[in-house]
Amino acid sequence: MADVLCDIQISEAAVAQKNYIPDSANRTNAGYYNFIFLKHKISKDDFEKSYHYYLSTPDEMDSIYAKVIENLSSRESVLRGLEAKKVQNVKIDTSAIISIEAPVDKVH
């Protein structure tokens, strides 16, 4: 359940970043949910039943969301590491830098 919720959180964040109108966001989320359910080999009904069960058992839901947070934090850490590595590997070709000077009468 934690892996499914983790993927759902990521997909919802991706949709939120796009600033879709609500109807488009709902359709896009539905498409992501279908993909997530296929990926985890569960049906929408199975997910909803499980989700409602865990809502009725707060301690278990808290435990699941602790795993979700741990998983998301781990993924974020890996991505930040990759970003840092990518930045470190960037080489600047200084011969390609062109100096452009503004005309003297245009400088304020």
Foldseek 3Di string as FASTA:
>chain_A
DLVLVLQLVVQLVVLVVVVDDVVVSVVSSVVSNVVSCVVVVHDPVVVVVVVVVCVVVVVVVVVSVVSSVVVVVVVVVVVVVVVVVVVVPDDDDVVPDDDDDDPPVPDD
